[in-house]
Amino acid sequence: MHTLILVLLVIVSIALIAVVLLQSGKSGGLSGAISGGAEQLFGKQKVRGIDLVFHRLTVVLSVLFFVLTIALSYFGL
């Protein structure tokens, strides 16, 4: 059981890294980080298309990562 959870955790970790790296940036570099912060804070921007898919996949993979990590620590004892 420990080995199965460990293998699943490695696969989910690699998938999570890949999905995060494939997402588009929210700002245009350093100038976007300084001046675009207020725009992102006050302006509602809906995520559509492939960005929505990547966002949802990131949430699912991160929850799965934490569940597998807790399960690994439980079964690792």
PDB file of N, CA and C in Angstrom:
ATOM      1  N   MET A   1       0.829  -1.193   0.000  1.00  0.00           N
ATOM      2  CA  MET A   1       0.000   0.000   0.000  1.00  0.00           C
ATOM      3  C   MET A   1       0.873   1.257   0.000  1.00  0.00           C
ATOM      4  N   HIS A   2       1.953   1.197   0.780  1.00  0.00           N
ATOM      5  CA  HIS A   2       2.868   2.336   0.882  1.00  0.00           C
ATOM      6  C   HIS A   2       3.494   2.652  -0.483  1.00  0.00           C
ATOM      7  N   THR A   3       3.903   1.606  -1.200  1.00  0.00           N
ATOM      8  CA  THR A   3       4.542   1.795  -2.508  1.00  0.00           C
ATOM      9  C   THR A   3       3.558   2.349  -3.529  1.00  0.00           C
ATOM     10  N   LEU A   4       2.331   1.869  -3.514  1.00  0.00           N
ATOM     11  CA  LEU A   4       1.307   2.360  -4.440  1.00  0.00           C
ATOM     12  C   LEU A   4       1.025   3.841  -4.219  1.00  0.00           C
ATOM     13  N   ILE A   5       0.883   4.243  -2.975  1.00  0.00           N
ATOM     14  CA  ILE A   5       0.613   5.645  -2.667  1.00  0.00           C
ATOM     15  C   ILE A   5       1.813   6.507  -3.044  1.00  0.00           C
ATOM     16  N   LEU A   6       3.018   5.988  -2.829  1.00  0.00           N
ATOM     17  CA  LEU A   6       4.221   6.726  -3.182  1.00  0.00           C
ATOM     18  C   LEU A   6       4.324   6.938  -4.693  1.00  0.00           C
ATOM     19  N   VAL A   7       4.014   5.908  -5.459  1.00  0.00           N
ATOM     20  CA  VAL A   7       4.043   6.030  -6.921  1.00  0.00           C
ATOM     21  C   VAL A   7       2.989   7.024  -7.389  1.00  0.00           C
ATOM     22  N   LEU A   8       1.780   6.946  -6.831  1.00  0.00           N
ATOM     23  CA  LEU A   8       0.721   7.898  -7.190  1.00  0.00           C
ATOM     24  C   LEU A   8       1.114   9.329  -6.819  1.00  0.00           C
ATOM     25  N   LEU A   9       1.779   9.490  -5.693  1.00  0.00           N
ATOM     26  CA  LEU A   9       2.210  10.821  -5.258  1.00  0.00           C
ATOM     27  C   LEU A   9       3.253  11.400  -6.211  1.00  0.00           C
ATOM     28  N   VAL A  10       4.159  10.581  -6.696  1.00  0.00           N
ATOM     29  CA  VAL A  10       5.161  11.051  -7.656  1.00  0.00           C
ATOM     30  C   VAL A  10       4.497  11.457  -8.968  1.00  0.00           C
ATOM     31  N   ILE A  11       3.542  10.662  -9.441  1.00  0.00           N
ATOM     32  CA  ILE A  11       2.841  10.974 -10.687  1.00  0.00           C
ATOM     33  C   ILE A  11       2.043  12.266 -10.542  1.00  0.00           C
ATOM     34  N   VAL A  12       1.334  12.425  -9.430  1.00  0.00           N
ATOM     35  CA  VAL A  12       0.545  13.641  -9.202  1.00  0.00           C
ATOM     36  C   VAL A  12       1.462  14.849  -9.071  1.00  0.00           C
ATOM     37  N   SER A  13       2.607  14.680  -8.429  1.00  0.00           N
ATOM     38  CA  SER A  13       3.549  15.791  -8.276  1.00  0.00           C
ATOM     39  C   SER A  13       4.076  16.271  -9.618  1.00  0.00           C
ATOM     40  N   ILE A  14       4.452  15.343 -10.475  1.00  0.00           N
ATOM     41  CA  ILE A  14       4.948  15.711 -11.802  1.00  0.00           C
ATOM     42  C   ILE A  14       3.842  16.369 -12.629  1.00  0.00           C
ATOM     43  N   ALA A  15       2.627  15.838 -12.547  1.00  0.00           N
ATOM     44  CA  ALA A  15       1.505  16.429 -13.274  1.00  0.00           C
ATOM     45  C   ALA A  15       1.187  17.829 -12.759  1.00  0.00           C
ATOM     46  N   LEU A  16       1.266  18.031 -11.447  1.00  0.00           N
ATOM     47  CA  LEU A  16       0.997  19.344 -10.860  1.00  0.00           C
ATOM     48  C   LEU A  16       2.041  20.357 -11.306  1.00  0.00           C
ATOM     49  N   ILE A  17       3.288  19.967 -11.339  1.00  0.00           N
ATOM     50  CA  ILE A  17       4.344  20.860 -11.817  1.00  0.00           C
ATOM     51  C   ILE A  17       4.121  21.226 -13.277  1.00  0.00           C
ATOM     52  N   ALA A  18       3.768  20.247 -14.097  1.00  0.00           N
ATOM     53  CA  ALA A  18       3.543  20.500 -15.520  1.00  0.00           C
ATOM     54  C   ALA A  18       2.358  21.434 -15.746  1.00  0.00           C
ATOM     55  N   VAL A  19       1.273  21.233 -15.007  1.00  0.00           N
ATOM     56  CA  VAL A  19       0.080  22.066 -15.190  1.00  0.00           C
ATOM     57  C   VAL A  19       0.350  23.500 -14.746  1.00  0.00           C
ATOM     58  N   VAL A  20       1.076  23.668 -13.657  1.00  0.00           N
ATOM     59  CA  VAL A  20       1.396  25.023 -13.194  1.00  0.00           C
ATOM     60  C   VAL A  20       2.296  25.730 -14.199  1.00  0.00           C
ATOM     61  N   LEU A  21       3.250  25.020 -14.766  1.00  0.00           N
ATOM     62  CA  LEU A  21       4.136  25.646 -15.747  1.00  0.00           C
ATOM     63  C   LEU A  21       3.431  25.957 -17.064  1.00  0.00           C
ATOM     64  N   LEU A  22       2.367  25.228 -17.396  1.00  0.00           N
ATOM     65  CA  LEU A  22       1.646  25.476 -18.636  1.00  0.00           C
ATOM     66  C   LEU A  22       0.656  26.629 -18.543  1.00  0.00           C
ATOM     67  N   GLN A  23       0.343  27.073 -17.336  1.00  0.00           N
ATOM     68  CA  GLN A  23      -0.613  28.169 -17.185  1.00  0.00           C
ATOM     69  C   GLN A  23      -0.002  29.469 -17.663  1.00  0.00           C
ATOM     70  N   SER A  24      -0.865  30.325 -18.222  1.00  0.00           N
ATOM     71  CA  SER A  24      -0.389  31.625 -18.672  1.00  0.00           C
ATOM     72  C   SER A  24      -0.229  32.554 -17.476  1.00  0.00           C
ATOM     73  N   GLY A  25       0.674  33.507 -17.604  1.00  0.00           N
ATOM     74  CA  GLY A  25       0.943  34.447 -16.527  1.00  0.00           C
ATOM     75  C   GLY A  25      -0.209  35.415 -16.329  1.00  0.00           C
ATOM     76  N   LYS A  26      -0.374  35.892 -15.120  1.00  0.00           N
ATOM     77  CA  LYS A  26      -1.455  36.817 -14.810  1.00  0.00           C
ATOM     78  C   LYS A  26      -1.060  38.267 -15.027  1.00  0.00           C
ATOM     79  N   SER A  27       0.240  38.556 -15.112  1.00  0.00           N
ATOM     80  CA  SER A  27       0.690  39.923 -15.316  1.00  0.00           C
ATOM     81  C   SER A  27       1.815  39.930 -16.339  1.00  0.00           C
ATOM     82  N   GLY A  28       2.143  41.112 -16.801  1.00  0.00           N
ATOM     83  CA  GLY A  28       3.171  41.244 -17.824  1.00  0.00           C
ATOM     84  C   GLY A  28       4.529  41.572 -17.255  1.00  0.00           C
ATOM     85  N   GLY A  29       5.068  40.771 -16.413  1.00  0.00           N
ATOM     86  CA  GLY A  29       6.392  40.988 -15.863  1.00  0.00           C
ATOM     87  C   GLY A  29       6.388  41.862 -14.624  1.00  0.00           C
ATOM     88  N   LEU A  30       7.525  42.518 -14.372  1.00  0.00           N
ATOM     89  CA  LEU A  30       7.680  43.327 -13.171  1.00  0.00           C
ATOM     90  C   LEU A  30       6.794  44.564 -13.210  1.00  0.00           C
ATOM     91  N   SER A  31       6.666  45.190 -14.379  1.00  0.00           N
ATOM     92  CA  SER A  31       5.807  46.377 -14.465  1.00  0.00           C
ATOM     93  C   SER A  31       4.349  46.007 -14.255  1.00  0.00           C
ATOM     94  N   GLY A  32       3.957  44.839 -14.696  1.00  0.00           N
ATOM     95  CA  GLY A  32       2.591  44.383 -14.455  1.00  0.00           C
ATOM     96  C   GLY A  32       2.354  44.040 -13.004  1.00  0.00           C
ATOM     97  N   ALA A  33       3.402  43.610 -12.326  1.00  0.00           N
ATOM     98  CA  ALA A  33       3.269  43.281 -10.908  1.00  0.00           C
ATOM     99  C   ALA A  33       3.085  44.536 -10.074  1.00  0.00           C
ATOM    100  N   ILE A  34       3.735  45.629 -10.485  1.00  0.00           N
ATOM    101  CA  ILE A  34       3.635  46.877  -9.726  1.00  0.00           C
ATOM    102  C   ILE A  34       2.340  47.611 -10.048  1.00  0.00           C
ATOM    103  N   SER A  35       2.082  47.821 -11.330  1.00  0.00           N
ATOM    104  CA  SER A  35       0.903  48.621 -11.701  1.00  0.00           C
ATOM    105  C   SER A  35      -0.358  47.793 -11.883  1.00  0.00           C
ATOM    106  N   GLY A  36      -0.217  46.522 -12.172  1.00  0.00           N
ATOM    107  CA  GLY A  36      -1.387  45.696 -12.454  1.00  0.00           C
ATOM    108  C   GLY A  36      -2.011  45.075 -11.231  1.00  0.00           C
ATOM    109  N   GLY A  37      -1.429  45.282 -10.067  1.00  0.00           N
ATOM    110  CA  GLY A  37      -1.975  44.696  -8.853  1.00  0.00           C
ATOM    111  C   GLY A  37      -3.340  45.237  -8.510  1.00  0.00           C
ATOM    112  N   ALA A  38      -3.509  46.539  -8.659  1.00  0.00           N
ATOM    113  CA  ALA A  38      -4.804  47.144  -8.365  1.00  0.00           C
ATOM    114  C   ALA A  38      -5.846  46.718  -9.386  1.00  0.00           C
ATOM    115  N   GLU A  39      -5.417  46.562 -10.620  1.00  0.00           N
ATOM    116  CA  GLU A  39      -6.351  46.129 -11.664  1.00  0.00           C
ATOM    117  C   GLU A  39      -6.862  44.722 -11.391  1.00  0.00           C
ATOM    118  N   GLN A  40      -5.986  43.839 -10.939  1.00  0.00           N
ATOM    119  CA  GLN A  40      -6.405  42.479 -10.627  1.00  0.00           C
ATOM    120  C   GLN A  40      -7.236  42.430  -9.360  1.00  0.00           C
ATOM    121  N   LEU A  41      -6.951  43.347  -8.434  1.00  0.00           N
ATOM    122  CA  LEU A  41      -7.672  43.353  -7.170  1.00  0.00           C
ATOM    123  C   LEU A  41      -9.099  43.847  -7.353  1.00  0.00           C
ATOM    124  N   PHE A  42      -9.258  44.914  -8.122  1.00  0.00           N
ATOM    125  CA  PHE A  42     -10.572  45.528  -8.259  1.00  0.00           C
ATOM    126  C   PHE A  42     -11.318  45.091  -9.513  1.00  0.00           C
ATOM    127  N   GLY A  43     -10.631  44.635 -10.514  1.00  0.00           N
ATOM    128  CA  GLY A  43     -11.275  44.224 -11.755  1.00  0.00           C
ATOM    129  C   GLY A  43     -11.571  42.741 -11.761  1.00  0.00           C
ATOM    130  N   LYS A  44     -12.814  42.392 -11.994  1.00  0.00           N
ATOM    131  CA  LYS A  44     -13.188  40.981 -12.091  1.00  0.00           C
ATOM    132  C   LYS A  44     -12.881  40.496 -13.498  1.00  0.00           C
ATOM    133  N   GLN A  45     -12.017  39.522 -13.592  1.00  0.00           N
ATOM    134  CA  GLN A  45     -11.697  38.932 -14.880  1.00  0.00           C
ATOM    135  C   GLN A  45     -12.097  37.469 -14.842  1.00  0.00           C
ATOM    136  N   LYS A  46     -12.942  37.091 -15.753  1.00  0.00           N
ATOM    137  CA  LYS A  46     -13.363  35.694 -15.804  1.00  0.00           C
ATOM    138  C   LYS A  46     -12.346  34.895 -16.604  1.00  0.00           C
ATOM    139  N   VAL A  47     -12.051  33.749 -16.079  1.00  0.00           N
ATOM    140  CA  VAL A  47     -11.117  32.853 -16.746  1.00  0.00           C
ATOM    141  C   VAL A  47     -11.917  31.986 -17.707  1.00  0.00           C
ATOM    142  N   ARG A  48     -11.458  31.925 -18.950  1.00  0.00           N
ATOM    143  CA  ARG A  48     -12.192  31.160 -19.952  1.00  0.00           C
ATOM    144  C   ARG A  48     -11.230  30.288 -20.741  1.00  0.00           C
ATOM    145  N   GLY A  49     -11.790  29.275 -21.353  1.00  0.00           N
ATOM    146  CA  GLY A  49     -11.034  28.431 -22.265  1.00  0.00           C
ATOM    147  C   GLY A  49     -10.067  27.503 -21.564  1.00  0.00           C
ATOM    148  N   ILE A  50      -8.872  27.432 -22.139  1.00  0.00           N
ATOM    149  CA  ILE A  50      -7.867  26.501 -21.630  1.00  0.00           C
ATOM    150  C   ILE A  50      -7.366  26.937 -20.258  1.00  0.00           C
ATOM    151  N   ASP A  51      -7.402  28.244 -19.976  1.00  0.00           N
ATOM    152  CA  ASP A  51      -6.984  28.714 -18.650  1.00  0.00           C
ATOM    153  C   ASP A  51      -7.913  28.190 -17.561  1.00  0.00           C
ATOM    154  N   LEU A  52      -9.195  28.097 -17.859  1.00  0.00           N
ATOM    155  CA  LEU A  52     -10.154  27.550 -16.903  1.00  0.00           C
ATOM    156  C   LEU A  52      -9.877  26.065 -16.647  1.00  0.00           C
ATOM    157  N   VAL A  53      -9.551  25.339 -17.702  1.00  0.00           N
ATOM    158  CA  VAL A  53      -9.239  23.914 -17.568  1.00  0.00           C
ATOM    159  C   VAL A  53      -7.982  23.732 -16.719  1.00  0.00           C
ATOM    160  N   PHE A  54      -6.950  24.537 -16.995  1.00  0.00           N
ATOM    161  CA  PHE A  54      -5.713  24.445 -16.212  1.00  0.00           C
ATOM    162  C   PHE A  54      -5.949  24.837 -14.756  1.00  0.00           C
ATOM    163  N   HIS A  55      -6.788  25.840 -14.527  1.00  0.00           N
ATOM    164  CA  HIS A  55      -7.084  26.267 -13.156  1.00  0.00           C
ATOM    165  C   HIS A  55      -7.780  25.153 -12.374  1.00  0.00           C
ATOM    166  N   ARG A  56      -8.794  24.562 -12.974  1.00  0.00           N
ATOM    167  CA  ARG A  56      -9.519  23.476 -12.303  1.00  0.00           C
ATOM    168  C   ARG A  56      -8.641  22.250 -12.099  1.00  0.00           C
ATOM    169  N   LEU A  57      -7.816  21.949 -13.087  1.00  0.00           N
ATOM    170  CA  LEU A  57      -6.915  20.806 -12.975  1.00  0.00           C
ATOM    171  C   LEU A  57      -5.871  21.041 -11.882  1.00  0.00           C
ATOM    172  N   THR A  58      -5.426  22.277 -11.726  1.00  0.00           N
ATOM    173  CA  THR A  58      -4.489  22.606 -10.660  1.00  0.00           C
ATOM    174  C   THR A  58      -5.122  22.403  -9.294  1.00  0.00           C
ATOM    175  N   VAL A  59      -6.374  22.822  -9.147  1.00  0.00           N
ATOM    176  CA  VAL A  59      -7.067  22.645  -7.868  1.00  0.00           C
ATOM    177  C   VAL A  59      -7.243  21.165  -7.549  1.00  0.00           C
ATOM    178  N   VAL A  60      -7.666  20.388  -8.527  1.00  0.00           N
ATOM    179  CA  VAL A  60      -7.886  18.957  -8.311  1.00  0.00           C
ATOM    180  C   VAL A  60      -6.573  18.250  -7.970  1.00  0.00           C
ATOM    181  N   LEU A  61      -5.516  18.569  -8.717  1.00  0.00           N
ATOM    182  CA  LEU A  61      -4.234  17.918  -8.468  1.00  0.00           C
ATOM    183  C   LEU A  61      -3.641  18.323  -7.122  1.00  0.00           C
ATOM    184  N   SER A  62      -3.838  19.573  -6.717  1.00  0.00           N
ATOM    185  CA  SER A  62      -3.295  19.987  -5.419  1.00  0.00           C
ATOM    186  C   SER A  62      -4.042  19.331  -4.263  1.00  0.00           C
ATOM    187  N   VAL A  63      -5.354  19.190  -4.373  1.00  0.00           N
ATOM    188  CA  VAL A  63      -6.117  18.487  -3.336  1.00  0.00           C
ATOM    189  C   VAL A  63      -5.693  17.021  -3.286  1.00  0.00           C
ATOM    190  N   LEU A  64      -5.535  16.413  -4.444  1.00  0.00           N
ATOM    191  CA  LEU A  64      -5.095  15.024  -4.512  1.00  0.00           C
ATOM    192  C   LEU A  64      -3.684  14.864  -3.934  1.00  0.00           C
ATOM    193  N   PHE A  65      -2.826  15.853  -4.181  1.00  0.00           N
ATOM    194  CA  PHE A  65      -1.478  15.824  -3.621  1.00  0.00           C
ATOM    195  C   PHE A  65      -1.516  15.809  -2.095  1.00  0.00           C
ATOM    196  N   PHE A  66      -2.334  16.673  -1.496  1.00  0.00           N
ATOM    197  CA  PHE A  66      -2.401  16.719  -0.041  1.00  0.00           C
ATOM    198  C   PHE A  66      -3.032  15.462   0.545  1.00  0.00           C
ATOM    199  N   VAL A  67      -4.044  14.933  -0.116  1.00  0.00           N
ATOM    200  CA  VAL A  67      -4.674  13.702   0.366  1.00  0.00           C
ATOM    201  C   VAL A  67      -3.685  12.534   0.303  1.00  0.00           C
ATOM    202  N   LEU A  68      -2.947  12.435  -0.787  1.00  0.00           N
ATOM    203  CA  LEU A  68      -1.965  11.353  -0.906  1.00  0.00           C
ATOM    204  C   LEU A  68      -0.819  11.527   0.084  1.00  0.00           C
ATOM    205  N   THR A  69      -0.432  12.764   0.357  1.00  0.00           N
ATOM    206  CA  THR A  69       0.635  13.000   1.332  1.00  0.00           C
ATOM    207  C   THR A  69       0.201  12.592   2.729  1.00  0.00           C
ATOM    208  N   ILE A  70      -1.023  12.922   3.095  1.00  0.00           N
ATOM    209  CA  ILE A  70      -1.547  12.519   4.407  1.00  0.00           C
ATOM    210  C   ILE A  70      -1.697  11.002   4.486  1.00  0.00           C
ATOM    211  N   ALA A  71      -2.172  10.389   3.393  1.00  0.00           N
ATOM    212  CA  ALA A  71      -2.312   8.931   3.372  1.00  0.00           C
ATOM    213  C   ALA A  71      -0.948   8.249   3.459  1.00  0.00           C
ATOM    214  N   LEU A  72       0.046   8.828   2.803  1.00  0.00           N
ATOM    215  CA  LEU A  72       1.384   8.259   2.860  1.00  0.00           C
ATOM    216  C   LEU A  72       1.969   8.328   4.267  1.00  0.00           C
ATOM    217  N   SER A  73       1.722   9.423   4.950  1.00  0.00           N
ATOM    218  CA  SER A  73       2.227   9.515   6.322  1.00  0.00           C
ATOM    219  C   SER A  73       1.453   8.583   7.256  1.00  0.00           C
ATOM    220  N   TYR A  74       0.189   8.361   6.965  1.00  0.00           N
ATOM    221  CA  TYR A  74      -0.616   7.445   7.794  1.00  0.00           C
ATOM    222  C   TYR A  74      -0.183   6.000   7.596  1.00  0.00           C
ATOM    223  N   PHE A  75      -0.024   5.578   6.338  1.00  0.00           N
ATOM    224  CA  PHE A  75       0.352   4.195   6.055  1.00  0.00           C
ATOM    225  C   PHE A  75       1.844   3.947   6.180  1.00  0.00           C
ATOM    226  N   GLY A  76       2.622   4.997   6.271  1.00  0.00           N
ATOM    227  CA  GLY A  76       4.068   4.842   6.381  1.00  0.00           C
ATOM    228  C   GLY A  76       4.533   4.480   7.766  1.00  0.00           C
ATOM    229  N   LEU A  77       3.651   4.577   8.741  1.00  0.00           N
ATOM    230  CA  LEU A  77       4.043   4.278  10.126  1.00  0.00           C
ATOM    231  C   LEU A  77       4.182   2.831  10.384  1.00  0.00           C
TER     232      LEU A  77
END
